Amino acid sequence: MFDLAAVQTAVRDLGLDGWLLYDFRGLNVLARRVLAVPADAILTRRWFYFIPAQGEPRKLLHRIEPHALDHLPGAARSYLRWQELEAGVAALTAGARRVAMEYVPRNANPYVSRVDAGTVELVRSNGVEVVSSGDLVQLFEACWDEEQWAMHLEAAKHTRSAYDAAFAFIAERVRRDGGVRETEVQQRILDHFAEHSLVTDHPPIVGVGPHSGDPHYAPAAGPNDTAMKEGDFVLIDLWAKLDKPRAVFSDLTRVAFIGKEVPARYEEIFQIVARARDAAILRVRTAYDKGELLQGWQVDRAAREVIERAGYGEAFCHRTGHSIGQETHGNGANMDDLETHEERRVLPRTCFSIEPGIYLPEFGVRSEVNVFLDGVRKVHVTGGDPQTEVAAILKEW
């Protein structure tokens, strides 16, 4: 639900004169989510919604869609011709000097940059400085309420138990048939999700041997659908949420060896990754306990330094973590100083993954947990206790 008073307070706290939200044909999902635009709203033309730091918001809508934002407060102005649109934008921002939009200089953070360059140029042509709305988006789209936190915990319980189901299935099939294909394990996980009323946007990753060294390997029926057998290393990355409105994801990764005794090389690499994971969690806990400002790049740096010191920096080829929300990859701050220099703050009531990895030609290790910051200075690591050693499937299941 859109809360005008809360938004205007945040706009003032950030020293801004307003927040200009804009969309065309669904390109700016952030604006639609923040403003709670109904999914069935007919919006085929450009629209703007300006929230000033104080006072009544203002709307600019095409003449054939004058009622599309009637659920929001504020007076509406219509346009038909392009000249009227440009004049309308000038009127919306009249008197404002610094205005936030879904924009980041040099597209340094494409997760926030949803407004095209031409529209930013149009706003600037009226003497307005356009700044990034990244932290505003977090506050009103990425922060969870208590219902979402409860739904995450429920999802986390079942995503964690999916590993017991998957590893037990592998053990059973290896003992009975000598092996089991990646897609069969993938389907067993999807069946587990269905049994617990979970949904997902993509089937889980099940990678054996060299496939585990591909961070985004996607098993599929065909020649690459590898049969795993005793003596193989396997990585499983899975994510799901409750099949309910506004539900949020749980996203976990664990690794295992199909045998009774884990070879030293697998355990060596896993322990480096686990130390990196724990260093990132500690960085979050330390800052949150002290009330220090923490940005996403700092969390990435804490994990990456551990792996770099161990000599595997080039084998850690993705960011340390991503925001988690109603999408697996949510719209809050990512834990990233590799793909982007994430300067958005790590905010209370947000959730994100911490998932460092080392990817080698013969195998790859990733250890992923989810972290949620509540509103009372407590850091929650969800999805069960973090993995402390490579699971020995034929010993434990």
Protein backbone atom coordinates (compact mmCIF):
# COMPACT_ATOMS: atom_id res chain seq x y z
CA MET A 1 0.00 0.00 0.00
CA PHE A 2 1.30 3.44 -0.96
CA ASP A 3 2.10 5.61 2.10
CA LEU A 4 2.51 9.22 0.99
CA ALA A 5 3.56 10.55 4.40
CA ALA A 6 6.33 7.95 4.72
CA VAL A 7 7.61 8.61 1.21
CA GLN A 8 7.71 12.37 1.75
CA THR A 9 9.56 11.92 5.03
CA ALA A 10 12.20 9.82 3.28
CA VAL A 11 12.49 12.34 0.45
CA ARG A 12 13.13 15.11 2.98
CA ASP A 13 15.59 12.97 4.95
CA LEU A 14 17.65 12.53 1.79
CA GLY A 15 17.71 16.28 1.14
CA LEU A 16 15.64 16.04 -2.04
CA ASP A 17 12.91 18.27 -3.41
CA GLY A 18 10.94 15.37 -4.78
CA TRP A 19 10.76 11.94 -6.40
CA LEU A 20 9.65 11.73 -10.02
CA LEU A 21 8.35 8.29 -10.96
CA TYR A 22 7.95 7.51 -14.64
CA ASP A 23 7.03 4.50 -16.74
CA PHE A 24 6.28 3.49 -20.30
CA ARG A 25 4.77 0.08 -21.05
CA GLY A 26 6.08 -1.53 -17.90
CA LEU A 27 9.76 -0.74 -18.40
CA ASN A 28 10.03 0.69 -14.88
CA VAL A 29 8.76 -2.11 -12.67
CA LEU A 30 10.18 -0.28 -9.66
CA ALA A 31 7.85 2.70 -10.15
CA ARG A 32 4.88 0.40 -10.59
CA ARG A 33 5.74 -1.58 -7.46
CA VAL A 34 6.37 1.49 -5.28
CA LEU A 35 3.10 3.10 -6.36
CA ALA A 36 1.13 -0.16 -6.10
CA VAL A 37 -0.10 0.23 -9.68
CA PRO A 38 -2.65 -2.57 -10.25
CA ALA A 39 -1.44 -5.32 -12.54
CA ASP A 40 -4.52 -4.89 -14.72
CA ALA A 41 -4.15 -1.10 -15.05
CA ILE A 42 -4.29 -0.02 -18.68
CA LEU A 43 -1.21 2.13 -19.18
CA THR A 44 -0.01 2.11 -22.77
CA ARG A 45 1.30 5.68 -22.83
CA ARG A 46 3.96 7.55 -20.86
CA TRP A 47 2.97 8.62 -17.36
CA PHE A 48 4.64 10.59 -14.56
CA TYR A 49 3.93 10.89 -10.85
CA PHE A 50 5.77 13.58 -8.90
CA ILE A 51 5.98 13.36 -5.11
CA PRO A 52 7.25 16.66 -3.68
CA ALA A 53 9.03 16.77 -0.35
CA GLN A 54 5.97 18.60 0.93
CA GLY A 55 2.54 19.19 -0.50
CA GLU A 56 0.25 17.35 -2.85
CA PRO A 57 1.63 14.98 -5.51
CA ARG A 58 1.01 15.70 -9.19
CA LYS A 59 0.20 13.34 -12.08
CA LEU A 60 0.77 13.59 -15.82
CA LEU A 61 -1.26 11.17 -17.96
CA HIS A 62 -2.23 10.75 -21.58
CA ARG A 63 -5.71 11.95 -22.44
CA ILE A 64 -6.93 8.46 -23.36
CA GLU A 65 -5.84 7.09 -19.95
CA PRO A 66 -6.86 9.85 -17.52
CA HIS A 67 -7.98 7.56 -14.69
CA ALA A 68 -5.08 5.08 -14.67
CA LEU A 69 -3.61 6.43 -11.41
CA ASP A 70 -6.87 7.24 -9.64
CA HIS A 71 -5.79 5.07 -6.69
CA LEU A 72 -3.08 7.63 -5.88
CA PRO A 73 -3.53 11.06 -4.28
CA GLY A 74 -2.88 14.22 -6.21
CA ALA A 75 -4.21 16.32 -9.05
CA ALA A 76 -3.93 15.04 -12.61
CA ARG A 77 -2.91 16.90 -15.74
CA SER A 78 -3.45 15.37 -19.17
CA TYR A 79 -1.49 15.64 -22.40
CA LEU A 80 -2.19 14.68 -25.99
CA ARG A 81 0.57 16.14 -28.14
CA TRP A 82 4.27 15.66 -27.43
CA GLN A 83 4.59 19.41 -26.84
CA GLU A 84 1.99 19.12 -24.07
CA LEU A 85 3.90 16.23 -22.53
CA GLU A 86 7.11 18.27 -22.37
CA ALA A 87 5.28 21.26 -20.90
CA GLY A 88 3.62 18.94 -18.41
CA VAL A 89 6.94 17.57 -17.20
CA ALA A 90 8.17 21.13 -16.67
CA ALA A 91 5.06 21.92 -14.66
CA LEU A 92 5.42 18.78 -12.53
CA THR A 93 8.90 19.69 -11.37
CA ALA A 94 8.47 23.48 -11.24
CA GLY A 95 10.36 24.87 -8.25
CA ALA A 96 12.32 21.67 -7.63
CA ARG A 97 16.11 21.61 -7.79
CA ARG A 98 17.10 18.02 -6.84
CA VAL A 99 14.77 15.22 -7.88
CA ALA A 100 15.22 11.47 -7.60
CA MET A 101 14.49 9.12 -10.49
CA GLU A 102 15.26 5.48 -11.29
CA TYR A 103 18.62 6.47 -12.71
CA VAL A 104 22.28 5.88 -11.85
CA PRO A 105 25.15 7.87 -13.43
CA ARG A 106 26.89 5.92 -16.20
CA ASN A 107 24.40 3.09 -15.65
CA ALA A 108 26.69 1.93 -12.85
CA ASN A 109 23.82 0.00 -11.30
CA PRO A 110 21.45 -1.39 -13.96
CA TYR A 111 19.12 -2.78 -11.29
CA VAL A 112 18.06 0.79 -10.49
CA SER A 113 18.52 2.41 -13.92
CA ARG A 114 15.04 1.96 -15.39
CA VAL A 115 14.48 5.43 -16.89
CA ASP A 116 15.85 6.02 -20.38
CA ALA A 117 18.47 8.69 -21.04
CA GLY A 118 16.13 10.79 -23.16
CA THR A 119 13.60 11.17 -20.36
CA VAL A 120 16.35 12.14 -17.94
CA GLU A 121 17.51 14.75 -20.50
CA LEU A 122 13.97 16.10 -20.71
CA VAL A 123 13.75 16.56 -16.95
CA ARG A 124 17.20 18.14 -16.80
CA SER A 125 16.28 20.59 -19.54
CA ASN A 126 14.06 22.30 -16.96
CA GLY A 127 17.02 23.07 -14.72
CA VAL A 128 16.46 20.06 -12.45
CA GLU A 129 19.31 17.97 -11.05
CA VAL A 130 18.42 14.27 -11.36
CA VAL A 131 19.86 11.94 -8.71
CA SER A 132 19.45 8.24 -8.09
CA SER A 133 16.39 6.93 -6.26
CA GLY A 134 18.21 3.73 -5.29
CA ASP A 135 17.76 4.04 -1.53
CA LEU A 136 14.20 5.29 -1.90
CA VAL A 137 13.36 2.23 -3.97
CA GLN A 138 14.81 0.04 -1.24
CA LEU A 139 12.75 1.69 1.46
CA PHE A 140 9.44 1.32 -0.35
CA GLU A 141 9.94 -1.82 -2.42
CA ALA A 142 12.71 -3.96 -0.92
CA CYS A 143 11.95 -3.64 2.81
CA TRP A 144 9.81 -6.47 4.17
CA ASP A 145 6.91 -6.24 6.56
CA GLU A 146 6.24 -8.84 9.24
CA GLU A 147 4.00 -10.92 6.99
CA GLN A 148 6.72 -11.20 4.35
CA TRP A 149 9.33 -12.07 6.98
CA ALA A 150 7.08 -14.87 8.24
CA MET A 151 6.56 -16.15 4.69
CA HIS A 152 10.31 -16.14 4.11
CA LEU A 153 10.90 -18.22 7.23
CA GLU A 154 8.31 -20.74 6.09
CA ALA A 155 9.88 -20.93 2.64
CA ALA A 156 13.36 -21.24 4.17
CA LYS A 157 12.24 -24.24 6.20
CA HIS A 158 11.15 -26.09 3.08
CA THR A 159 14.06 -25.03 0.88
CA ARG A 160 16.40 -26.32 3.57
CA SER A 161 14.56 -29.63 3.80
CA ALA A 162 14.74 -29.93 0.01
CA TYR A 163 18.41 -30.81 0.44
CA ASP A 164 17.58 -33.75 2.66
CA ALA A 165 15.06 -34.91 0.07
CA ALA A 166 17.53 -34.45 -2.81
CA PHE A 167 20.52 -36.05 -1.10
CA ALA A 168 18.43 -38.99 0.12
CA PHE A 169 17.12 -39.47 -3.42
CA ILE A 170 20.67 -39.44 -4.81
CA ALA A 171 21.79 -41.97 -2.21
CA GLU A 172 18.85 -44.28 -2.93
CA ARG A 173 19.31 -44.21 -6.70
CA VAL A 174 23.09 -44.62 -6.56
CA ARG A 175 22.78 -47.63 -4.28
CA ARG A 176 19.97 -49.17 -6.32
CA ASP A 177 20.85 -48.23 -9.92
CA GLY A 178 24.46 -47.08 -9.75
CA GLY A 179 23.60 -43.50 -10.71
CA VAL A 180 20.97 -40.80 -11.25
CA ARG A 181 20.74 -37.99 -13.79
CA GLU A 182 20.90 -34.28 -12.94
CA THR A 183 17.42 -33.66 -14.32
CA GLU A 184 15.97 -36.46 -12.18
CA VAL A 185 17.35 -34.82 -9.03
CA GLN A 186 16.07 -31.48 -10.29
CA GLN A 187 12.58 -32.96 -10.68
CA ARG A 188 12.73 -34.45 -7.19
CA ILE A 189 13.35 -30.97 -5.81
CA LEU A 190 10.48 -29.49 -7.83
CA ASP A 191 8.22 -32.24 -6.48
CA HIS A 192 9.30 -31.31 -2.96
CA PHE A 193 8.40 -27.69 -3.66
CA ALA A 194 4.97 -28.70 -4.92
CA GLU A 195 4.39 -30.87 -1.84
CA HIS A 196 4.94 -27.79 0.35
CA SER A 197 3.08 -25.23 -1.80
CA LEU A 198 6.23 -23.50 -3.01
CA VAL A 199 6.72 -21.96 -6.43
CA THR A 200 9.84 -20.89 -8.30
CA ASP A 201 10.69 -18.89 -11.40
CA HIS A 202 13.30 -21.36 -12.70
CA PRO A 203 14.18 -24.97 -11.94
CA PRO A 204 17.07 -25.47 -9.52
CA ILE A 205 20.69 -25.90 -10.51
CA VAL A 206 21.97 -29.45 -10.09
CA GLY A 207 25.55 -29.69 -11.32
CA VAL A 208 27.85 -32.68 -11.04
CA GLY A 209 31.65 -32.56 -11.53
CA PRO A 210 32.65 -29.91 -14.08
CA HIS A 211 29.06 -28.70 -14.28
CA SER A 212 29.35 -27.53 -10.66
CA GLY A 213 32.11 -25.22 -11.84
CA ASP A 214 29.65 -23.33 -14.07
CA PRO A 215 27.89 -20.81 -11.75
CA HIS A 216 24.74 -20.69 -13.90
CA TYR A 217 24.66 -24.22 -15.25
CA ALA A 218 21.12 -25.24 -16.22
CA PRO A 219 20.54 -29.00 -16.46
CA ALA A 220 18.23 -30.06 -19.27
CA ALA A 221 17.32 -33.29 -20.99
CA GLY A 222 19.88 -34.20 -23.64
CA PRO A 223 23.55 -35.10 -23.99
CA ASN A 224 24.68 -32.74 -21.18
CA ASP A 225 22.29 -34.31 -18.65
CA THR A 226 25.00 -36.09 -16.71
CA ALA A 227 24.49 -39.16 -14.58
CA MET A 228 26.02 -38.77 -11.14
CA LYS A 229 27.55 -41.79 -9.46
CA GLU A 230 29.62 -42.73 -6.44
CA GLY A 231 32.78 -40.64 -6.28
CA ASP A 232 31.22 -37.53 -7.85
CA PHE A 233 30.98 -34.01 -6.46
CA VAL A 234 27.62 -32.22 -6.76
CA LEU A 235 26.38 -28.64 -6.25
CA ILE A 236 22.69 -27.81 -5.79
CA ASP A 237 21.39 -24.23 -5.88
CA LEU A 238 17.65 -23.90 -5.28
CA TRP A 239 15.20 -21.09 -4.60
CA ALA A 240 11.46 -20.87 -4.01
CA LYS A 241 8.71 -18.91 -2.25
CA LEU A 242 5.25 -19.64 -0.89
CA ASP A 243 2.48 -19.64 -3.46
CA LYS A 244 0.87 -16.57 -1.93
CA PRO A 245 0.53 -12.89 -2.86
CA ARG A 246 3.56 -10.77 -1.87
CA ALA A 247 5.56 -13.86 -0.88
CA VAL A 248 9.36 -13.54 -0.90
CA PHE A 249 12.03 -16.04 -1.84
CA SER A 250 14.46 -18.24 0.03
CA ASP A 251 17.62 -18.99 -2.00
CA LEU A 252 20.23 -21.53 -0.83
CA THR A 253 23.23 -23.44 -2.19
CA ARG A 254 24.92 -26.55 -0.75
CA VAL A 255 27.52 -29.00 -1.99
CA ALA A 256 28.04 -32.71 -1.43
CA PHE A 257 30.18 -35.70 -2.32
CA ILE A 258 28.60 -38.98 -3.36
CA GLY A 259 30.55 -41.23 -1.05
CA LYS A 260 31.37 -41.87 2.58
CA GLU A 261 34.67 -39.96 2.88
CA VAL A 262 35.09 -36.54 1.26
CA PRO A 263 38.41 -36.14 -0.63
CA ALA A 264 40.71 -33.52 0.87
CA ARG A 265 40.75 -31.34 -2.24
CA TYR A 266 36.98 -30.78 -2.15
CA GLU A 267 37.04 -30.01 1.56
CA GLU A 268 39.99 -27.63 1.17
CA ILE A 269 38.20 -25.47 -1.39
CA PHE A 270 34.94 -25.62 0.55
CA GLN A 271 36.59 -24.34 3.72
CA ILE A 272 37.99 -21.31 1.88
CA VAL A 273 34.52 -20.50 0.55
CA ALA A 274 32.97 -21.02 3.99
CA ARG A 275 35.47 -18.62 5.57
CA ALA A 276 34.62 -16.03 2.93
CA ARG A 277 30.91 -16.50 3.60
CA ASP A 278 31.42 -16.13 7.34
CA ALA A 279 33.61 -13.05 6.90
CA ALA A 280 30.82 -11.35 4.96
CA ILE A 281 28.25 -12.27 7.61
CA LEU A 282 30.56 -10.92 10.32
CA ARG A 283 31.00 -7.66 8.40
CA VAL A 284 27.23 -7.23 8.37
CA ARG A 285 26.83 -8.13 12.04
CA THR A 286 29.59 -5.77 13.16
CA ALA A 287 28.20 -2.78 11.27
CA TYR A 288 24.61 -3.48 12.27
CA ASP A 289 25.48 -3.91 15.94
CA LYS A 290 27.25 -0.55 15.95
CA GLY A 291 24.68 1.26 13.85
CA GLU A 292 27.30 2.02 11.20
CA LEU A 293 26.41 2.88 7.64
CA LEU A 294 27.13 -0.19 5.50
CA GLN A 295 27.12 -0.33 1.71
CA GLY A 296 26.81 -3.42 -0.45
CA TRP A 297 30.34 -3.18 -1.87
CA GLN A 298 31.83 -3.46 1.63
CA VAL A 299 30.17 -6.82 2.22
CA ASP A 300 31.46 -8.12 -1.11
CA ARG A 301 34.93 -6.90 -0.26
CA ALA A 302 34.95 -8.79 3.05
CA ALA A 303 34.26 -12.11 1.32
CA ARG A 304 36.43 -11.46 -1.73
CA GLU A 305 39.53 -10.65 0.31
CA VAL A 306 39.42 -14.10 1.92
CA ILE A 307 39.32 -15.86 -1.45
CA GLU A 308 41.94 -13.58 -2.97
CA ARG A 309 44.33 -14.21 -0.07
CA ALA A 310 43.92 -17.93 -0.66
CA GLY A 311 44.99 -17.45 -4.27
CA TYR A 312 41.64 -18.04 -5.96
CA GLY A 313 40.51 -14.49 -6.72
CA GLU A 314 40.11 -15.12 -10.45
CA ALA A 315 37.98 -18.18 -9.71
CA PHE A 316 35.41 -16.07 -7.81
CA CYS A 317 33.66 -14.71 -10.87
CA HIS A 318 30.43 -13.18 -9.52
CA ARG A 319 29.28 -10.82 -6.79
CA THR A 320 29.01 -12.05 -3.21
CA GLY A 321 25.24 -11.68 -2.99
CA HIS A 322 22.04 -10.23 -4.33
CA SER A 323 18.91 -8.66 -2.92
CA ILE A 324 16.03 -11.05 -2.25
CA GLY A 325 12.38 -10.09 -2.54
CA GLN A 326 9.28 -11.06 -4.47
CA GLU A 327 11.74 -11.94 -7.22
CA THR A 328 14.74 -14.17 -6.52
CA HIS A 329 16.96 -11.24 -7.43
CA GLY A 330 15.21 -8.40 -5.64
CA ASN A 331 15.39 -4.63 -5.92
CA GLY A 332 17.44 -3.79 -2.84
CA ALA A 333 21.19 -3.44 -2.42
CA ASN A 334 23.37 -6.21 -3.81
CA MET A 335 26.56 -7.33 -2.09
CA ASP A 336 28.73 -6.33 -5.00
CA ASP A 337 32.06 -4.68 -5.70
CA LEU A 338 32.80 -6.74 -8.82
CA GLU A 339 30.01 -6.37 -11.37
CA THR A 340 29.00 -2.98 -9.93
CA HIS A 341 30.29 -0.74 -7.15
CA GLU A 342 27.16 -1.04 -5.01
CA GLU A 343 26.84 2.13 -2.97
CA ARG A 344 23.26 1.60 -1.84
CA ARG A 345 22.98 1.17 1.92
CA VAL A 346 22.31 -2.19 3.51
CA LEU A 347 19.01 -1.26 5.15
CA PRO A 348 16.98 -2.69 8.04
CA ARG A 349 14.10 -4.94 6.96
CA THR A 350 15.94 -6.06 3.80
CA CYS A 351 17.13 -9.55 2.87
CA PHE A 352 20.01 -10.63 0.66
CA SER A 353 22.09 -13.67 -0.17
CA ILE A 354 25.70 -14.22 0.75
CA GLU A 355 27.10 -16.78 -1.67
CA PRO A 356 30.83 -16.68 -2.43
CA GLY A 357 32.23 -19.36 -4.70
CA ILE A 358 35.36 -20.82 -6.25
CA TYR A 359 34.91 -22.31 -9.73
CA LEU A 360 37.58 -24.61 -11.13
CA PRO A 361 37.57 -26.63 -14.37
CA GLU A 362 36.97 -29.93 -12.60
CA PHE A 363 34.48 -28.74 -9.96
CA GLY A 364 33.10 -25.65 -8.26
CA VAL A 365 32.05 -24.76 -4.73
CA ARG A 366 29.46 -22.23 -3.63
CA SER A 367 27.95 -21.80 -0.16
CA GLU A 368 24.83 -19.67 -0.01
CA VAL A 369 22.79 -18.41 2.92
CA ASN A 370 20.22 -15.63 3.26
CA VAL A 371 20.60 -12.72 5.66
CA PHE A 372 17.75 -10.58 6.99
CA LEU A 373 18.22 -7.43 9.07
CA ASP A 374 15.32 -6.84 11.41
CA GLY A 375 14.38 -3.48 12.88
CA VAL A 376 16.01 -4.04 16.28
CA ARG A 377 19.66 -4.50 15.35
CA LYS A 378 19.53 -8.28 14.93
CA VAL A 379 21.01 -10.14 11.96
CA HIS A 380 19.18 -13.34 11.00
CA VAL A 381 20.85 -16.04 8.89
CA THR A 382 18.07 -18.21 7.47
CA GLY A 383 17.81 -21.61 5.82
CA GLY A 384 19.20 -23.59 8.73
CA ASP A 385 22.73 -23.50 10.08
CA PRO A 386 25.31 -22.60 7.42
CA GLN A 387 27.03 -25.63 5.92
CA THR A 388 30.31 -26.35 7.73
CA GLU A 389 31.71 -29.19 5.59
CA VAL A 390 31.04 -30.96 2.34
CA ALA A 391 28.17 -33.38 2.89
CA ALA A 392 29.03 -37.07 2.47
CA ILE A 393 25.87 -38.39 0.85
CA LEU A 394 26.48 -42.12 1.25
CA LYS A 395 27.46 -41.65 4.88
CA GLU A 396 24.73 -39.25 6.01
CA TRP A 397 21.75 -40.50 3.98
